[in-house]
Amino acid sequence: MNISLEISMIIDNATSSPIIVTEHDNVTMKCQARGRPTPYVAWFRRHRDGKDRQNEIRLDNQILANNTDGIYHLLNVSRHQNGHYECRASNGVNDHVVSKDIELRVLCK
């Protein structure tokens, strides 16, 4: 039996960045990834660390969503959810991880 393995790759046209929405709207972000076996997509929120002298963007360790369809829903968006989100796709082949940054801009009414 021959088993074919493919490293994950993100299909870049799933959701364009930035996404601009009005406060209290709903948002769906999609990060399409392909590979064999089917990759899992984990969503994280990125933010600037005010304590860092260089004001670097860092990733929260909390996983917001983890699924194979790559979809992340935000309902009734608030201005506090403004910022950068990162999707990371991996299927376990060679511990390879690919990622994409999506910026969410929330306009206040």
C-alpha atoms as a PDB file:
ATOM      1  CA  MET A   1       0.000   0.000   0.000  1.00  0.00           C
ATOM      2  CA  ASN A   2       1.367   3.409  -0.981  1.00  0.00           C
ATOM      3  CA  ILE A   3       0.418   6.353   1.221  1.00  0.00           C
ATOM      4  CA  SER A   4       0.965   9.803  -0.181  1.00  0.00           C
ATOM      5  CA  LEU A   5       1.640  12.665   2.249  1.00  0.00           C
ATOM      6  CA  GLU A   6       1.501  16.337   1.323  1.00  0.00           C
ATOM      7  CA  ILE A   7       2.666  19.198   3.485  1.00  0.00           C
ATOM      8  CA  SER A   8      -0.041  21.733   4.345  1.00  0.00           C
ATOM      9  CA  MET A   9      -0.354  24.906   2.327  1.00  0.00           C
ATOM     10  CA  ILE A  10      -2.690  27.863   2.714  1.00  0.00           C
ATOM     11  CA  ILE A  11      -4.780  28.918  -0.257  1.00  0.00           C
ATOM     12  CA  ASP A  12      -4.277  32.653  -0.035  1.00  0.00           C
ATOM     13  CA  ASN A  13      -7.499  33.896  -1.654  1.00  0.00           C
ATOM     14  CA  ALA A  14      -9.893  32.581   1.031  1.00  0.00           C
ATOM     15  CA  THR A  15     -10.196  35.858   2.998  1.00  0.00           C
ATOM     16  CA  SER A  16      -8.517  39.058   1.920  1.00  0.00           C
ATOM     17  CA  SER A  17      -7.047  41.406   4.486  1.00  0.00           C
ATOM     18  CA  PRO A  18      -7.998  43.827   5.878  1.00  0.00           C
ATOM     19  CA  ILE A  19     -11.621  43.019   6.681  1.00  0.00           C
ATOM     20  CA  ILE A  20     -13.523  46.211   7.459  1.00  0.00           C
ATOM     21  CA  VAL A  21     -16.808  45.926   9.359  1.00  0.00           C
ATOM     22  CA  THR A  22     -19.088  48.127  11.430  1.00  0.00           C
ATOM     23  CA  GLU A  23     -19.317  47.503  15.155  1.00  0.00           C
ATOM     24  CA  HIS A  24     -22.044  44.953  16.065  1.00  0.00           C
ATOM     25  CA  ASP A  25     -21.841  43.229  12.654  1.00  0.00           C
ATOM     26  CA  ASN A  26     -21.000  39.547  12.281  1.00  0.00           C
ATOM     27  CA  VAL A  27     -17.765  38.438  10.623  1.00  0.00           C
ATOM     28  CA  THR A  28     -16.675  35.150   9.100  1.00  0.00           C
ATOM     29  CA  MET A  29     -12.980  34.660   8.422  1.00  0.00           C
ATOM     30  CA  LYS A  30     -11.851  31.721   6.344  1.00  0.00           C
ATOM     31  CA  CYS A  31      -8.409  30.271   6.014  1.00  0.00           C
ATOM     32  CA  GLN A  32      -8.422  27.504   3.442  1.00  0.00           C
ATOM     33  CA  ALA A  33      -5.598  25.021   3.711  1.00  0.00           C
ATOM     34  CA  ARG A  34      -4.906  21.863   1.814  1.00  0.00           C
ATOM     35  CA  GLY A  35      -2.652  18.904   2.338  1.00  0.00           C
ATOM     36  CA  ARG A  36      -2.717  15.169   2.926  1.00  0.00           C
ATOM     37  CA  PRO A  37      -3.795  14.267   5.552  1.00  0.00           C
ATOM     38  CA  THR A  38      -6.324  17.111   5.820  1.00  0.00           C
ATOM     39  CA  PRO A  39      -4.790  19.910   7.903  1.00  0.00           C
ATOM     40  CA  TYR A  40      -6.294  21.394  11.034  1.00  0.00           C
ATOM     41  CA  VAL A  41      -6.531  25.177  11.165  1.00  0.00           C
ATOM     42  CA  ALA A  42      -6.078  26.958  14.492  1.00  0.00           C
ATOM     43  CA  TRP A  43      -7.019  30.621  14.940  1.00  0.00           C
ATOM     44  CA  PHE A  44      -5.172  32.989  17.281  1.00  0.00           C
ATOM     45  CA  ARG A  45      -5.457  36.689  18.079  1.00  0.00           C
ATOM     46  CA  ARG A  46      -2.346  38.810  17.685  1.00  0.00           C
ATOM     47  CA  HIS A  47      -1.797  42.062  19.500  1.00  0.00           C
ATOM     48  CA  ARG A  48       0.838  44.641  20.234  1.00  0.00           C
ATOM     49  CA  ASP A  49       2.573  44.239  23.532  1.00  0.00           C
ATOM     50  CA  GLY A  50       2.699  47.676  25.143  1.00  0.00           C
ATOM     51  CA  LYS A  51       5.307  46.437  27.625  1.00  0.00           C
ATOM     52  CA  ASP A  52       7.778  45.657  24.858  1.00  0.00           C
ATOM     53  CA  ARG A  53      10.105  48.535  23.996  1.00  0.00           C
ATOM     54  CA  GLN A  54       9.944  47.669  20.313  1.00  0.00           C
ATOM     55  CA  ASN A  55       6.130  47.392  20.397  1.00  0.00           C
ATOM     56  CA  GLU A  56       6.292  43.975  18.751  1.00  0.00           C
ATOM     57  CA  ILE A  57       3.198  42.046  17.762  1.00  0.00           C
ATOM     58  CA  ARG A  58       2.852  38.835  19.743  1.00  0.00           C
ATOM     59  CA  LEU A  59       0.455  35.940  19.584  1.00  0.00           C
ATOM     60  CA  ASP A  60      -1.981  35.044  22.345  1.00  0.00           C
ATOM     61  CA  ASN A  61      -1.546  31.427  23.382  1.00  0.00           C
ATOM     62  CA  GLN A  62      -5.297  30.876  23.506  1.00  0.00           C
ATOM     63  CA  ILE A  63      -6.698  28.995  20.530  1.00  0.00           C
ATOM     64  CA  LEU A  64      -9.885  30.718  19.345  1.00  0.00           C
ATOM     65  CA  ALA A  65     -10.947  27.913  16.997  1.00  0.00           C
ATOM     66  CA  ASN A  66      -9.451  24.645  15.767  1.00  0.00           C
ATOM     67  CA  ASN A  67     -11.120  22.840  12.876  1.00  0.00           C
ATOM     68  CA  THR A  68     -10.580  21.406   9.409  1.00  0.00           C
ATOM     69  CA  ASP A  69     -12.823  23.870   7.537  1.00  0.00           C
ATOM     70  CA  GLY A  70     -10.699  26.884   8.569  1.00  0.00           C
ATOM     71  CA  ILE A  71     -13.722  29.027   9.423  1.00  0.00           C
ATOM     72  CA  TYR A  72     -13.809  31.409  12.382  1.00  0.00           C
ATOM     73  CA  HIS A  73     -17.007  33.322  13.228  1.00  0.00           C
ATOM     74  CA  LEU A  74     -17.221  36.509  15.272  1.00  0.00           C
ATOM     75  CA  LEU A  75     -20.733  37.548  16.270  1.00  0.00           C
ATOM     76  CA  ASN A  76     -21.748  41.064  17.296  1.00  0.00           C
ATOM     77  CA  VAL A  77     -18.206  42.392  16.836  1.00  0.00           C
ATOM     78  CA  SER A  78     -17.006  45.051  19.258  1.00  0.00           C
ATOM     79  CA  ARG A  79     -14.257  47.636  18.835  1.00  0.00           C
ATOM     80  CA  HIS A  80     -12.170  45.605  21.295  1.00  0.00           C
ATOM     81  CA  GLN A  81     -11.887  42.815  18.723  1.00  0.00           C
ATOM     82  CA  ASN A  82     -10.122  45.136  16.304  1.00  0.00           C
ATOM     83  CA  GLY A  83      -6.668  43.888  15.316  1.00  0.00           C
ATOM     84  CA  HIS A  84      -4.744  41.051  13.737  1.00  0.00           C
ATOM     85  CA  TYR A  85      -5.766  37.399  13.682  1.00  0.00           C
ATOM     86  CA  GLU A  86      -3.584  34.541  12.565  1.00  0.00           C
ATOM     87  CA  CYS A  87      -4.587  31.180  11.186  1.00  0.00           C
ATOM     88  CA  ARG A  88      -2.095  28.335  11.408  1.00  0.00           C
ATOM     89  CA  ALA A  89      -2.504  25.163   9.392  1.00  0.00           C
ATOM     90  CA  SER A  90      -0.773  21.881  10.076  1.00  0.00           C
ATOM     91  CA  ASN A  91      -1.360  18.272   9.176  1.00  0.00           C
ATOM     92  CA  GLY A  92       1.508  16.765  11.136  1.00  0.00           C
ATOM     93  CA  VAL A  93       3.762  16.108   8.139  1.00  0.00           C
ATOM     94  CA  ASN A  94       7.326  16.960   9.202  1.00  0.00           C
ATOM     95  CA  ASP A  95       5.899  19.277  11.901  1.00  0.00           C
ATOM     96  CA  HIS A  96       5.401  21.838   9.116  1.00  0.00           C
ATOM     97  CA  VAL A  97       3.122  24.788  10.015  1.00  0.00           C
ATOM     98  CA  VAL A  98       1.929  27.486   7.620  1.00  0.00           C
ATOM     99  CA  SER A  99       0.203  30.685   8.695  1.00  0.00           C
ATOM    100  CA  LYS A 100      -1.633  33.732   7.417  1.00  0.00           C
ATOM    101  CA  ASP A 101      -2.327  37.096   9.066  1.00  0.00           C
ATOM    102  CA  ILE A 102      -5.748  38.726   8.651  1.00  0.00           C
ATOM    103  CA  GLU A 103      -6.402  42.218   9.955  1.00  0.00           C
ATOM    104  CA  LEU A 104      -9.871  43.072  11.297  1.00  0.00           C
ATOM    105  CA  ARG A 105     -10.813  46.755  11.357  1.00  0.00           C
ATOM    106  CA  VAL A 106     -13.953  47.547  13.346  1.00  0.00           C
ATOM    107  CA  LEU A 107     -15.579  50.901  12.576  1.00  0.00           C
ATOM    108  CA  CYS A 108     -17.499  52.459  15.463  1.00  0.00           C
ATOM    109  CA  LYS A 109     -21.002  53.800  14.830  1.00  0.00           C
END
